[in-house]
């Protein structure tokens, strides 16, 4: 993630005042899960346990979405994104694609 952009899910930052609101920023990632991952995830689901393949894909998609959102905020001149919301969905005719979207408000906050 952009190291110089603070990203939080809260509407405020303790000890910091929002100086300027720059608008809504977003980032999205859609990743396809391949046949072998689907097969092994299905087997794992039958016998129980966690599907590490899908967890890794979700983590990758989340990172991409957050990075895109932070990059958009930085282009606007923000040093933080507040009120971040992450949404997870499956898309495609058979739900074989994973989508993660991130949205928040780009702001400039005073330095400590």
N, C-alpha and C. Protein backbone atom coordinates (compact mmCIF):
# COMPACT_ATOMS: atom_id res chain seq x y z
N UNK A 1 0.85 -1.19 0.00
CA UNK A 1 0.00 0.00 0.00
C UNK A 1 0.89 1.24 0.00
N UNK A 2 0.33 2.32 -0.49
CA UNK A 2 1.05 3.58 -0.51
C UNK A 2 1.48 3.92 0.93
N UNK A 3 2.77 3.97 1.17
CA UNK A 3 3.30 4.16 2.52
C UNK A 3 3.01 5.54 3.10
N UNK A 4 2.86 6.54 2.24
CA UNK A 4 2.65 7.90 2.74
C UNK A 4 1.17 8.29 2.82
N UNK A 5 0.28 7.33 2.62
CA UNK A 5 -1.16 7.57 2.74
C UNK A 5 -1.68 6.73 3.91
N UNK A 6 -2.27 7.39 4.87
CA UNK A 6 -2.89 6.69 6.00
C UNK A 6 -4.29 6.25 5.57
N UNK A 7 -4.61 4.98 5.75
CA UNK A 7 -5.90 4.43 5.34
C UNK A 7 -6.58 3.84 6.57
N UNK A 8 -7.78 4.36 6.89
CA UNK A 8 -8.49 3.89 8.09
C UNK A 8 -9.97 3.71 7.78
N UNK A 9 -10.62 2.88 8.57
CA UNK A 9 -12.06 2.65 8.42
C UNK A 9 -12.90 3.62 9.24
N UNK A 10 -12.27 4.37 10.11
CA UNK A 10 -13.00 5.30 10.96
C UNK A 10 -13.26 6.62 10.23
N UNK A 11 -14.20 7.39 10.74
CA UNK A 11 -14.54 8.69 10.14
C UNK A 11 -13.65 9.82 10.61
N UNK A 12 -12.91 9.59 11.68
CA UNK A 12 -12.02 10.60 12.23
C UNK A 12 -10.69 9.94 12.59
N UNK A 13 -9.70 10.76 12.83
CA UNK A 13 -8.39 10.29 13.27
C UNK A 13 -8.07 10.93 14.61
N UNK A 14 -7.87 10.12 15.63
CA UNK A 14 -7.54 10.67 16.95
C UNK A 14 -6.29 11.52 16.87
N UNK A 15 -6.38 12.72 17.39
CA UNK A 15 -5.22 13.60 17.46
C UNK A 15 -4.92 14.34 16.18
N UNK A 16 -5.70 14.14 15.15
CA UNK A 16 -5.47 14.84 13.88
C UNK A 16 -6.77 15.46 13.40
N UNK A 17 -6.67 16.66 12.89
CA UNK A 17 -7.85 17.37 12.37
C UNK A 17 -7.84 17.30 10.85
N UNK A 18 -9.01 17.03 10.28
CA UNK A 18 -9.13 17.04 8.83
C UNK A 18 -9.15 18.49 8.36
N UNK A 19 -8.20 18.83 7.51
CA UNK A 19 -8.09 20.19 7.00
C UNK A 19 -8.91 20.38 5.73
N UNK A 20 -8.94 19.32 4.89
CA UNK A 20 -9.63 19.45 3.61
C UNK A 20 -10.17 18.08 3.17
N UNK A 21 -11.41 18.07 2.71
CA UNK A 21 -12.02 16.87 2.13
C UNK A 21 -11.87 16.96 0.61
N UNK A 22 -11.31 15.92 0.01
CA UNK A 22 -11.02 15.95 -1.43
C UNK A 22 -11.98 15.11 -2.26
N UNK A 23 -12.79 14.30 -1.63
CA UNK A 23 -13.77 13.52 -2.37
C UNK A 23 -13.61 12.02 -2.20
N UNK A 24 -14.52 11.31 -2.82
CA UNK A 24 -14.54 9.84 -2.74
C UNK A 24 -13.48 9.27 -3.68
N UNK A 25 -12.78 8.27 -3.18
CA UNK A 25 -11.80 7.53 -3.99
C UNK A 25 -12.14 6.04 -3.92
N UNK A 26 -11.81 5.34 -5.00
CA UNK A 26 -12.15 3.92 -5.07
C UNK A 26 -11.00 3.12 -5.67
N UNK A 27 -11.07 1.84 -5.43
CA UNK A 27 -10.16 0.89 -6.06
C UNK A 27 -10.88 -0.44 -6.19
N UNK A 28 -10.67 -1.11 -7.29
CA UNK A 28 -11.32 -2.39 -7.52
C UNK A 28 -10.32 -3.42 -8.02
N UNK A 29 -10.62 -4.67 -7.72
CA UNK A 29 -9.82 -5.77 -8.24
C UNK A 29 -10.75 -6.95 -8.49
N UNK A 30 -10.62 -7.53 -9.68
CA UNK A 30 -11.37 -8.74 -10.01
C UNK A 30 -10.35 -9.77 -10.43
N UNK A 31 -10.32 -10.88 -9.73
CA UNK A 31 -9.37 -11.94 -10.02
C UNK A 31 -10.11 -13.23 -10.30
N UNK A 32 -9.69 -13.93 -11.33
CA UNK A 32 -10.28 -15.23 -11.64
C UNK A 32 -9.59 -16.31 -10.84
N UNK A 33 -10.37 -17.24 -10.35
CA UNK A 33 -9.81 -18.39 -9.66
C UNK A 33 -9.69 -19.51 -10.68
N UNK A 34 -8.53 -20.16 -10.75
CA UNK A 34 -8.36 -21.16 -11.80
C UNK A 34 -8.95 -22.52 -11.42
N UNK A 35 -9.03 -23.40 -12.39
CA UNK A 35 -9.68 -24.70 -12.23
C UNK A 35 -9.06 -25.53 -11.12
N UNK A 36 -7.72 -25.57 -11.03
CA UNK A 36 -7.08 -26.40 -10.01
C UNK A 36 -7.33 -25.87 -8.61
N UNK A 37 -7.31 -24.55 -8.45
CA UNK A 37 -7.63 -23.98 -7.15
C UNK A 37 -9.07 -24.30 -6.78
N UNK A 38 -9.99 -24.20 -7.78
CA UNK A 38 -11.39 -24.54 -7.53
C UNK A 38 -11.54 -25.98 -7.09
N UNK A 39 -10.84 -26.88 -7.77
CA UNK A 39 -10.92 -28.30 -7.47
C UNK A 39 -10.43 -28.58 -6.05
N UNK A 40 -9.25 -28.07 -5.71
CA UNK A 40 -8.70 -28.31 -4.37
C UNK A 40 -9.52 -27.61 -3.28
N UNK A 41 -10.06 -26.44 -3.60
CA UNK A 41 -10.92 -25.75 -2.64
C UNK A 41 -12.18 -26.57 -2.39
N UNK A 42 -12.72 -27.16 -3.46
CA UNK A 42 -13.90 -28.00 -3.31
C UNK A 42 -13.64 -29.22 -2.46
N UNK A 43 -12.50 -29.85 -2.66
CA UNK A 43 -12.12 -31.01 -1.83
C UNK A 43 -11.97 -30.57 -0.39
N UNK A 44 -11.32 -29.45 -0.18
CA UNK A 44 -11.09 -28.93 1.16
C UNK A 44 -12.42 -28.64 1.85
N UNK A 45 -13.37 -28.09 1.07
CA UNK A 45 -14.69 -27.80 1.63
C UNK A 45 -15.42 -29.07 2.04
N UNK A 46 -15.24 -30.14 1.29
CA UNK A 46 -15.90 -31.41 1.60
C UNK A 46 -15.36 -32.01 2.90
N UNK A 47 -14.04 -32.00 3.05
CA UNK A 47 -13.43 -32.61 4.24
C UNK A 47 -13.30 -31.63 5.40
N UNK A 48 -13.61 -30.40 5.16
CA UNK A 48 -13.52 -29.39 6.22
C UNK A 48 -12.22 -28.63 6.16
N UNK A 49 -12.17 -27.55 6.88
CA UNK A 49 -10.95 -26.75 6.91
C UNK A 49 -11.08 -25.50 6.07
N UNK A 50 -10.01 -24.75 6.02
CA UNK A 50 -9.99 -23.48 5.31
C UNK A 50 -9.40 -23.68 3.93
N UNK A 51 -9.87 -22.91 2.98
CA UNK A 51 -9.35 -22.96 1.63
C UNK A 51 -8.27 -21.90 1.48
N UNK A 52 -7.03 -22.32 1.63
CA UNK A 52 -5.90 -21.39 1.58
C UNK A 52 -5.78 -20.73 0.21
N UNK A 53 -6.11 -21.45 -0.86
CA UNK A 53 -6.01 -20.88 -2.20
C UNK A 53 -6.93 -19.67 -2.34
N UNK A 54 -8.17 -19.80 -1.89
CA UNK A 54 -9.10 -18.68 -1.98
C UNK A 54 -8.72 -17.56 -1.02
N UNK A 55 -8.23 -17.90 0.15
CA UNK A 55 -7.81 -16.87 1.09
C UNK A 55 -6.68 -16.04 0.51
N UNK A 56 -5.75 -16.68 -0.19
CA UNK A 56 -4.64 -15.95 -0.80
C UNK A 56 -5.14 -15.04 -1.93
N UNK A 57 -6.10 -15.53 -2.73
CA UNK A 57 -6.65 -14.72 -3.80
C UNK A 57 -7.41 -13.51 -3.25
N UNK A 58 -8.16 -13.73 -2.17
CA UNK A 58 -8.88 -12.61 -1.54
C UNK A 58 -7.91 -11.58 -1.00
N UNK A 59 -6.83 -12.03 -0.37
CA UNK A 59 -5.82 -11.11 0.17
C UNK A 59 -5.18 -10.30 -0.97
N UNK A 60 -4.87 -10.98 -2.06
CA UNK A 60 -4.26 -10.30 -3.21
C UNK A 60 -5.22 -9.25 -3.78
N UNK A 61 -6.49 -9.62 -3.94
CA UNK A 61 -7.48 -8.68 -4.47
C UNK A 61 -7.67 -7.50 -3.53
N UNK A 62 -7.70 -7.75 -2.22
CA UNK A 62 -7.85 -6.66 -1.24
C UNK A 62 -6.68 -5.70 -1.33
N UNK A 63 -5.47 -6.23 -1.43
CA UNK A 63 -4.27 -5.38 -1.52
C UNK A 63 -4.31 -4.52 -2.78
N UNK A 64 -4.70 -5.11 -3.90
CA UNK A 64 -4.79 -4.35 -5.15
C UNK A 64 -5.81 -3.23 -5.02
N UNK A 65 -7.00 -3.54 -4.51
CA UNK A 65 -8.05 -2.52 -4.38
C UNK A 65 -7.61 -1.38 -3.46
N UNK A 66 -7.02 -1.72 -2.32
CA UNK A 66 -6.56 -0.67 -1.39
C UNK A 66 -5.44 0.17 -1.99
N UNK A 67 -4.52 -0.47 -2.72
CA UNK A 67 -3.44 0.27 -3.35
C UNK A 67 -3.96 1.23 -4.41
N UNK A 68 -4.91 0.77 -5.22
CA UNK A 68 -5.50 1.65 -6.24
C UNK A 68 -6.20 2.84 -5.60
N UNK A 69 -6.94 2.58 -4.53
CA UNK A 69 -7.66 3.65 -3.84
C UNK A 69 -6.67 4.67 -3.26
N UNK A 70 -5.61 4.18 -2.61
CA UNK A 70 -4.61 5.07 -2.02
C UNK A 70 -3.89 5.87 -3.10
N UNK A 71 -3.60 5.24 -4.24
CA UNK A 71 -2.93 5.95 -5.33
C UNK A 71 -3.82 7.07 -5.88
N UNK A 72 -5.11 6.81 -5.99
CA UNK A 72 -6.05 7.85 -6.45
C UNK A 72 -6.08 9.01 -5.46
N UNK A 73 -6.09 8.67 -4.16
CA UNK A 73 -6.10 9.71 -3.13
C UNK A 73 -4.83 10.56 -3.21
N UNK A 74 -3.70 9.91 -3.40
CA UNK A 74 -2.42 10.63 -3.49
C UNK A 74 -2.43 11.58 -4.68
N UNK A 75 -3.00 11.15 -5.81
CA UNK A 75 -3.08 12.01 -7.00
C UNK A 75 -3.91 13.26 -6.72
N UNK A 76 -4.88 13.15 -5.83
CA UNK A 76 -5.70 14.30 -5.46
C UNK A 76 -5.01 15.22 -4.46
N UNK A 77 -3.87 14.78 -3.90
CA UNK A 77 -3.16 15.57 -2.92
C UNK A 77 -3.46 15.19 -1.48
N UNK A 78 -4.11 14.05 -1.27
CA UNK A 78 -4.47 13.61 0.09
C UNK A 78 -3.27 12.98 0.79
N UNK A 79 -3.32 13.02 2.11
CA UNK A 79 -2.34 12.27 2.90
C UNK A 79 -3.03 11.20 3.75
N UNK A 80 -4.37 11.06 3.57
CA UNK A 80 -5.11 10.03 4.29
C UNK A 80 -6.41 9.72 3.54
N UNK A 81 -6.92 8.52 3.81
CA UNK A 81 -8.25 8.13 3.34
C UNK A 81 -9.00 7.64 4.56
N UNK A 82 -10.15 8.25 4.82
CA UNK A 82 -10.94 7.87 5.99
C UNK A 82 -12.24 7.19 5.54
N UNK A 83 -12.92 6.57 6.49
CA UNK A 83 -14.22 5.92 6.26
C UNK A 83 -14.14 4.88 5.16
N UNK A 84 -13.06 4.10 5.16
CA UNK A 84 -12.86 3.09 4.12
C UNK A 84 -13.82 1.92 4.32
N UNK A 85 -14.40 1.49 3.21
CA UNK A 85 -15.31 0.34 3.20
C UNK A 85 -14.80 -0.66 2.17
N UNK A 86 -14.73 -1.92 2.57
CA UNK A 86 -14.33 -2.99 1.66
C UNK A 86 -15.54 -3.87 1.39
N UNK A 87 -15.76 -4.17 0.13
CA UNK A 87 -16.85 -5.07 -0.27
C UNK A 87 -16.26 -6.24 -1.04
N UNK A 88 -16.77 -7.43 -0.76
CA UNK A 88 -16.33 -8.66 -1.40
C UNK A 88 -17.51 -9.28 -2.13
N UNK A 89 -17.30 -9.70 -3.37
CA UNK A 89 -18.36 -10.33 -4.17
C UNK A 89 -17.76 -11.41 -5.05
N UNK A 90 -18.59 -12.34 -5.47
CA UNK A 90 -18.21 -13.25 -6.54
C UNK A 90 -18.98 -12.81 -7.77
N UNK A 91 -18.34 -12.85 -8.91
CA UNK A 91 -18.97 -12.42 -10.15
C UNK A 91 -18.73 -13.46 -11.22
N UNK A 92 -19.43 -13.32 -12.31
CA UNK A 92 -19.34 -14.29 -13.41
C UNK A 92 -20.53 -15.22 -13.37
N UNK A 93 -20.74 -15.91 -14.46
CA UNK A 93 -21.92 -16.78 -14.57
C UNK A 93 -21.90 -17.92 -13.56
N UNK A 94 -20.72 -18.38 -13.19
CA UNK A 94 -20.64 -19.45 -12.19
C UNK A 94 -19.94 -19.01 -10.91
N UNK A 95 -19.82 -17.70 -10.73
CA UNK A 95 -19.20 -17.18 -9.51
C UNK A 95 -17.72 -17.50 -9.41
N UNK A 96 -17.05 -17.65 -10.56
CA UNK A 96 -15.65 -18.08 -10.55
C UNK A 96 -14.67 -16.93 -10.43
N UNK A 97 -15.16 -15.71 -10.33
CA UNK A 97 -14.26 -14.57 -10.18
C UNK A 97 -14.54 -13.89 -8.85
N UNK A 98 -13.47 -13.42 -8.24
CA UNK A 98 -13.56 -12.74 -6.96
C UNK A 98 -13.38 -11.24 -7.19
N UNK A 99 -14.26 -10.44 -6.61
CA UNK A 99 -14.14 -8.99 -6.75
C UNK A 99 -14.06 -8.36 -5.37
N UNK A 100 -13.12 -7.46 -5.22
CA UNK A 100 -13.01 -6.67 -4.01
C UNK A 100 -13.01 -5.21 -4.43
N UNK A 101 -13.85 -4.42 -3.78
CA UNK A 101 -13.85 -2.99 -4.04
C UNK A 101 -13.62 -2.26 -2.73
N UNK A 102 -12.84 -1.20 -2.82
CA UNK A 102 -12.53 -0.36 -1.66
C UNK A 102 -12.95 1.06 -2.00
N UNK A 103 -13.59 1.73 -1.04
CA UNK A 103 -13.95 3.13 -1.24
C UNK A 103 -13.77 3.87 0.07
N UNK A 104 -13.49 5.14 -0.04
CA UNK A 104 -13.29 5.97 1.13
C UNK A 104 -13.25 7.43 0.73
N UNK A 105 -13.01 8.28 1.71
CA UNK A 105 -12.94 9.72 1.47
C UNK A 105 -11.49 10.18 1.58
N UNK A 106 -10.98 10.75 0.50
CA UNK A 106 -9.63 11.29 0.49
C UNK A 106 -9.62 12.62 1.25
N UNK A 107 -8.68 12.76 2.17
CA UNK A 107 -8.61 13.98 2.99
C UNK A 107 -7.16 14.41 3.16
N UNK A 108 -7.02 15.66 3.56
CA UNK A 108 -5.73 16.17 4.03
C UNK A 108 -5.90 16.38 5.52
N UNK A 109 -5.02 15.75 6.29
CA UNK A 109 -5.06 15.92 7.74
C UNK A 109 -3.80 16.62 8.21
N UNK A 110 -3.94 17.34 9.32
CA UNK A 110 -2.78 18.05 9.85
C UNK A 110 -1.76 17.05 10.37
N UNK A 111 -0.52 17.42 10.31
CA UNK A 111 0.55 16.56 10.83
C UNK A 111 0.59 16.63 12.34
N UNK A 112 1.14 15.59 12.93
CA UNK A 112 1.28 15.58 14.40
C UNK A 112 2.41 16.46 14.85
